[in-house]
Amino acid sequence: MKRVLTSVFLAIGAAFFFFTGGFLTFAENCEKVCSEVLRLHIPANSDSEEDQAIKLRLRDYVLSEFSGELGECGNLEEAEEKARELLPEIERKSTEFLEENGFFYGAKAELVTMDFTTREYDRLILPAGKYRAIRITLGSGEGHNWWCVIFPQLCLPAACEIPENENAEEVLASFGKPQGITLKFAIFEWFQGLF
């Protein structure tokens, strides 16, 4: 009986160390993803139909005006530098766009570090974590938000989808989507919540 208990404890210990080692590698990969992308985050003024609709129209406008400049950057640091440079113009043009469409509550643009939960695109999962983001808060910012990855350029004006071109495929290959990854992200989020 003692031998059986010893074997069971050794098996549990081995499984724990195997899981922990794999988990730590996975956590490092998640942090790497967080440190390589710049997100666009747009909280709406409220959840009214009108505020949600203008949020999406503003999204399309901002992407058509600014994603090209940010997409030309070579790495996250360059993208952040360019974003900082563009913030006053993003805020001004966003506020003007709102006013031209009859919304006078203004927009505030800032570069922030914020927590995002695990999110899934059609072919891409972004792990939970702290990301750099251009946040454009519309009015009170109390409505549902919209987000995408603006660097590397995975946003499209009409919807948050992945463009069908070689550059996007290279980006997707670097993120990957192995089997069981959703479960691991859930465990990673739970584990992060402990600290």
Foldseek 3Di string as FASTA:
>chain_A
DVVVVVVVVVVVVVVVVVVVVVLVVVVVLLVVLQQWFEKAKEQFQAADPVRVVVSLVLLLVCCVVPLVVLLPDDTPVRSVVVCVVCQVVSQVVSCVSCVVVPHNLGKHWDWDWDWDDWDDAPLAIRATDTHIYTYIYGRNSHYDMDMETSVNHQQHSNGRGGDPDPVSVVVSVSRDDDPPVVVSSVVVVVVVVVD
